[in-house]
Amino acid sequence: MNFNALRFAGIEPDILVEYDSSGYEVGFVSAGLGVSITNEIIAREYAAFELQAKPVEPSALYHYVAVWQRGRVFSNALEASLEAILSAFRPLPQVEPNVLPIKGTLRRSRSSSSTYPD
């Protein structure tokens, strides 16, 4: 998926090794065998390996799909499960936030000159 993002940007990556485990990724990069593209959650896990990371902007979008056996007839429970999964990814309607007025008076803290609402 990450390679497709590069190709979309007109860059053909020179792929030396492909793997399905982030453990290999950190090992290869730590050994100086190149660079890797990963997500920021995995990159945070690599902090212990003293690697450097830089966000790629604009970041790549992932498009998720639900997959099941071709021709499968869903039970009611499976149909409800699939609908729950799909609804979790639907965009939420945009709602104006409720902004509540700050009540109280401002006072000075004894330990600093900052002011805080009561």
C-alpha atoms as a PDB file:
ATOM      1  CA  MET A   1       0.000   0.000   0.000  1.00  0.00           C
ATOM      2  CA  ASN A   2       2.821   2.424   0.840  1.00  0.00           C
ATOM      3  CA  PHE A   3       4.528   1.631  -2.462  1.00  0.00           C
ATOM      4  CA  ASN A   4       1.371   2.618  -4.320  1.00  0.00           C
ATOM      5  CA  ALA A   5       1.498   6.028  -2.622  1.00  0.00           C
ATOM      6  CA  LEU A   6       5.050   6.509  -3.902  1.00  0.00           C
ATOM      7  CA  ARG A   7       4.103   5.367  -7.375  1.00  0.00           C
ATOM      8  CA  PHE A   8       1.143   7.778  -7.368  1.00  0.00           C
ATOM      9  CA  ALA A   9       3.648  10.572  -6.631  1.00  0.00           C
ATOM     10  CA  GLY A  10       5.707   9.466  -9.639  1.00  0.00           C
ATOM     11  CA  ILE A  11       8.449   7.724  -7.656  1.00  0.00           C
ATOM     12  CA  GLU A  12       9.300   4.124  -8.437  1.00  0.00           C
ATOM     13  CA  PRO A  13      10.789   2.603  -5.277  1.00  0.00           C
ATOM     14  CA  ASP A  14      13.887   0.412  -5.568  1.00  0.00           C
ATOM     15  CA  ILE A  15      12.679  -2.500  -3.436  1.00  0.00           C
ATOM     16  CA  LEU A  16      15.445  -4.677  -2.048  1.00  0.00           C
ATOM     17  CA  VAL A  17      13.435  -6.714   0.468  1.00  0.00           C
ATOM     18  CA  GLU A  18       9.715  -7.114   1.191  1.00  0.00           C
ATOM     19  CA  TYR A  19       8.415  -8.616   4.441  1.00  0.00           C
ATOM     20  CA  ASP A  20       5.246  -8.820   6.501  1.00  0.00           C
ATOM     21  CA  SER A  21       6.673  -8.268   9.969  1.00  0.00           C
ATOM     22  CA  SER A  22       7.646  -4.977  11.585  1.00  0.00           C
ATOM     23  CA  GLY A  23      10.330  -6.860  13.531  1.00  0.00           C
ATOM     24  CA  TYR A  24      12.235  -7.405  10.291  1.00  0.00           C
ATOM     25  CA  GLU A  25      11.727  -3.796   9.308  1.00  0.00           C
ATOM     26  CA  VAL A  26      13.409  -2.398  12.415  1.00  0.00           C
ATOM     27  CA  GLY A  27      16.191  -4.978  12.141  1.00  0.00           C
ATOM     28  CA  PHE A  28      17.047  -4.103   8.535  1.00  0.00           C
ATOM     29  CA  VAL A  29      16.937  -0.356   9.151  1.00  0.00           C
ATOM     30  CA  SER A  30      18.953  -0.649  12.391  1.00  0.00           C
ATOM     31  CA  ALA A  31      21.592  -2.621  10.489  1.00  0.00           C
ATOM     32  CA  GLY A  32      21.868   0.220   7.963  1.00  0.00           C
ATOM     33  CA  LEU A  33      20.340  -1.708   5.066  1.00  0.00           C
ATOM     34  CA  GLY A  34      18.123   1.146   3.913  1.00  0.00           C
ATOM     35  CA  VAL A  35      15.033   3.062   4.910  1.00  0.00           C
ATOM     36  CA  SER A  36      11.468   1.958   5.420  1.00  0.00           C
ATOM     37  CA  ILE A  37       8.022   3.491   5.205  1.00  0.00           C
ATOM     38  CA  THR A  38       5.750   2.626   8.101  1.00  0.00           C
ATOM     39  CA  ASN A  39       2.955   4.178  10.127  1.00  0.00           C
ATOM     40  CA  GLU A  40       3.536   6.469  13.109  1.00  0.00           C
ATOM     41  CA  ILE A  41       2.273   3.935  15.651  1.00  0.00           C
ATOM     42  CA  ILE A  42       4.943   1.436  14.625  1.00  0.00           C
ATOM     43  CA  ALA A  43       7.539   4.227  14.377  1.00  0.00           C
ATOM     44  CA  ARG A  44       6.898   5.150  18.042  1.00  0.00           C
ATOM     45  CA  GLU A  45       7.651   1.541  18.980  1.00  0.00           C
ATOM     46  CA  TYR A  46      11.050   1.923  17.312  1.00  0.00           C
ATOM     47  CA  ALA A  47      12.158   4.690  19.710  1.00  0.00           C
ATOM     48  CA  ALA A  48      14.180   2.139  21.697  1.00  0.00           C
ATOM     49  CA  PHE A  49      16.319   1.448  18.602  1.00  0.00           C
ATOM     50  CA  GLU A  50      17.534   5.058  18.270  1.00  0.00           C
ATOM     51  CA  LEU A  51      16.228   5.410  14.728  1.00  0.00           C
ATOM     52  CA  GLN A  52      15.241   8.717  13.204  1.00  0.00           C
ATOM     53  CA  ALA A  53      11.768   9.251  11.753  1.00  0.00           C
ATOM     54  CA  LYS A  54      10.219  12.024   9.712  1.00  0.00           C
ATOM     55  CA  PRO A  55       6.511  12.284   8.847  1.00  0.00           C
ATOM     56  CA  VAL A  56       5.671  11.963   5.162  1.00  0.00           C
ATOM     57  CA  GLU A  57       3.370  14.772   4.076  1.00  0.00           C
ATOM     58  CA  PRO A  58       0.833  14.535   2.715  1.00  0.00           C
ATOM     59  CA  SER A  59       0.356  11.220   4.389  1.00  0.00           C
ATOM     60  CA  ALA A  60      -1.018   8.250   2.468  1.00  0.00           C
ATOM     61  CA  LEU A  61      -4.654   7.332   2.907  1.00  0.00           C
ATOM     62  CA  TYR A  62      -5.668   3.778   3.609  1.00  0.00           C
ATOM     63  CA  HIS A  63      -8.916   2.509   2.139  1.00  0.00           C
ATOM     64  CA  TYR A  64     -10.362  -0.395   4.083  1.00  0.00           C
ATOM     65  CA  VAL A  65     -12.731  -3.019   2.744  1.00  0.00           C
ATOM     66  CA  ALA A  66     -14.722  -5.836   4.324  1.00  0.00           C
ATOM     67  CA  VAL A  67     -13.993  -9.275   2.842  1.00  0.00           C
ATOM     68  CA  TRP A  68     -16.016 -12.515   2.978  1.00  0.00           C
ATOM     69  CA  GLN A  69     -16.497 -15.753   1.046  1.00  0.00           C
ATOM     70  CA  ARG A  70     -17.969 -15.280  -2.407  1.00  0.00           C
ATOM     71  CA  GLY A  71     -21.633 -16.356  -2.474  1.00  0.00           C
ATOM     72  CA  ARG A  72     -21.875 -16.658   1.318  1.00  0.00           C
ATOM     73  CA  VAL A  73     -25.382 -16.310   2.705  1.00  0.00           C
ATOM     74  CA  PHE A  74     -25.159 -14.297   5.912  1.00  0.00           C
ATOM     75  CA  SER A  75     -26.973 -15.292   9.059  1.00  0.00           C
ATOM     76  CA  ASN A  76     -28.828 -12.495  10.849  1.00  0.00           C
ATOM     77  CA  ALA A  77     -25.980 -12.263  13.387  1.00  0.00           C
ATOM     78  CA  LEU A  78     -23.335 -12.035  10.668  1.00  0.00           C
ATOM     79  CA  GLU A  79     -25.366  -9.460   8.749  1.00  0.00           C
ATOM     80  CA  ALA A  80     -25.687  -7.348  11.927  1.00  0.00           C
ATOM     81  CA  SER A  81     -21.956  -7.709  12.585  1.00  0.00           C
ATOM     82  CA  LEU A  82     -21.042  -6.582   9.078  1.00  0.00           C
ATOM     83  CA  GLU A  83     -23.396  -3.604   9.324  1.00  0.00           C
ATOM     84  CA  ALA A  84     -21.856  -2.632  12.693  1.00  0.00           C
ATOM     85  CA  ILE A  85     -18.350  -2.787  11.209  1.00  0.00           C
ATOM     86  CA  LEU A  86     -19.329  -0.744   8.154  1.00  0.00           C
ATOM     87  CA  SER A  87     -21.182   1.847  10.222  1.00  0.00           C
ATOM     88  CA  ALA A  88     -18.111   2.341  12.412  1.00  0.00           C
ATOM     89  CA  PHE A  89     -16.266   3.694   9.361  1.00  0.00           C
ATOM     90  CA  ARG A  90     -19.008   5.994   8.073  1.00  0.00           C
ATOM     91  CA  PRO A  91     -18.261   9.695   8.518  1.00  0.00           C
ATOM     92  CA  LEU A  92     -20.018  11.305  11.450  1.00  0.00           C
ATOM     93  CA  PRO A  93     -22.359  14.209  10.680  1.00  0.00           C
ATOM     94  CA  GLN A  94     -20.743  17.576  11.313  1.00  0.00           C
ATOM     95  CA  VAL A  95     -22.297  19.167  14.383  1.00  0.00           C
ATOM     96  CA  GLU A  96     -21.562  22.612  15.716  1.00  0.00           C
ATOM     97  CA  PRO A  97     -19.823  22.335  19.097  1.00  0.00           C
ATOM     98  CA  ASN A  98     -21.629  23.570  22.172  1.00  0.00           C
ATOM     99  CA  VAL A  99     -19.644  26.438  23.628  1.00  0.00           C
ATOM    100  CA  LEU A 100     -20.502  27.170  27.213  1.00  0.00           C
ATOM    101  CA  PRO A 101     -19.736  30.579  28.704  1.00  0.00           C
ATOM    102  CA  ILE A 102     -17.068  30.664  31.399  1.00  0.00           C
ATOM    103  CA  LYS A 103     -18.701  31.661  34.663  1.00  0.00           C
ATOM    104  CA  GLY A 104     -17.035  33.171  37.667  1.00  0.00           C
ATOM    105  CA  THR A 105     -14.531  35.891  38.192  1.00  0.00           C
ATOM    106  CA  LEU A 106     -10.829  35.930  37.601  1.00  0.00           C
ATOM    107  CA  ARG A 107      -8.521  35.740  40.569  1.00  0.00           C
ATOM    108  CA  ARG A 108      -4.768  35.803  41.022  1.00  0.00           C
ATOM    109  CA  SER A 109      -2.980  32.716  42.227  1.00  0.00           C
ATOM    110  CA  ARG A 110      -0.746  33.231  45.252  1.00  0.00           C
ATOM    111  CA  SER A 111       2.107  31.267  43.640  1.00  0.00           C
ATOM    112  CA  SER A 112       2.087  33.006  40.248  1.00  0.00           C
ATOM    113  CA  SER A 113       0.805  36.027  38.459  1.00  0.00           C
ATOM    114  CA  SER A 114      -1.377  33.965  36.127  1.00  0.00           C
ATOM    115  CA  THR A 115      -5.121  34.394  36.258  1.00  0.00           C
ATOM    116  CA  TYR A 116      -7.536  31.493  36.318  1.00  0.00           C
ATOM    117  CA  PRO A 117     -11.305  31.326  36.064  1.00  0.00           C
ATOM    118  CA  ASP A 118     -13.077  30.160  39.218  1.00  0.00           C
END
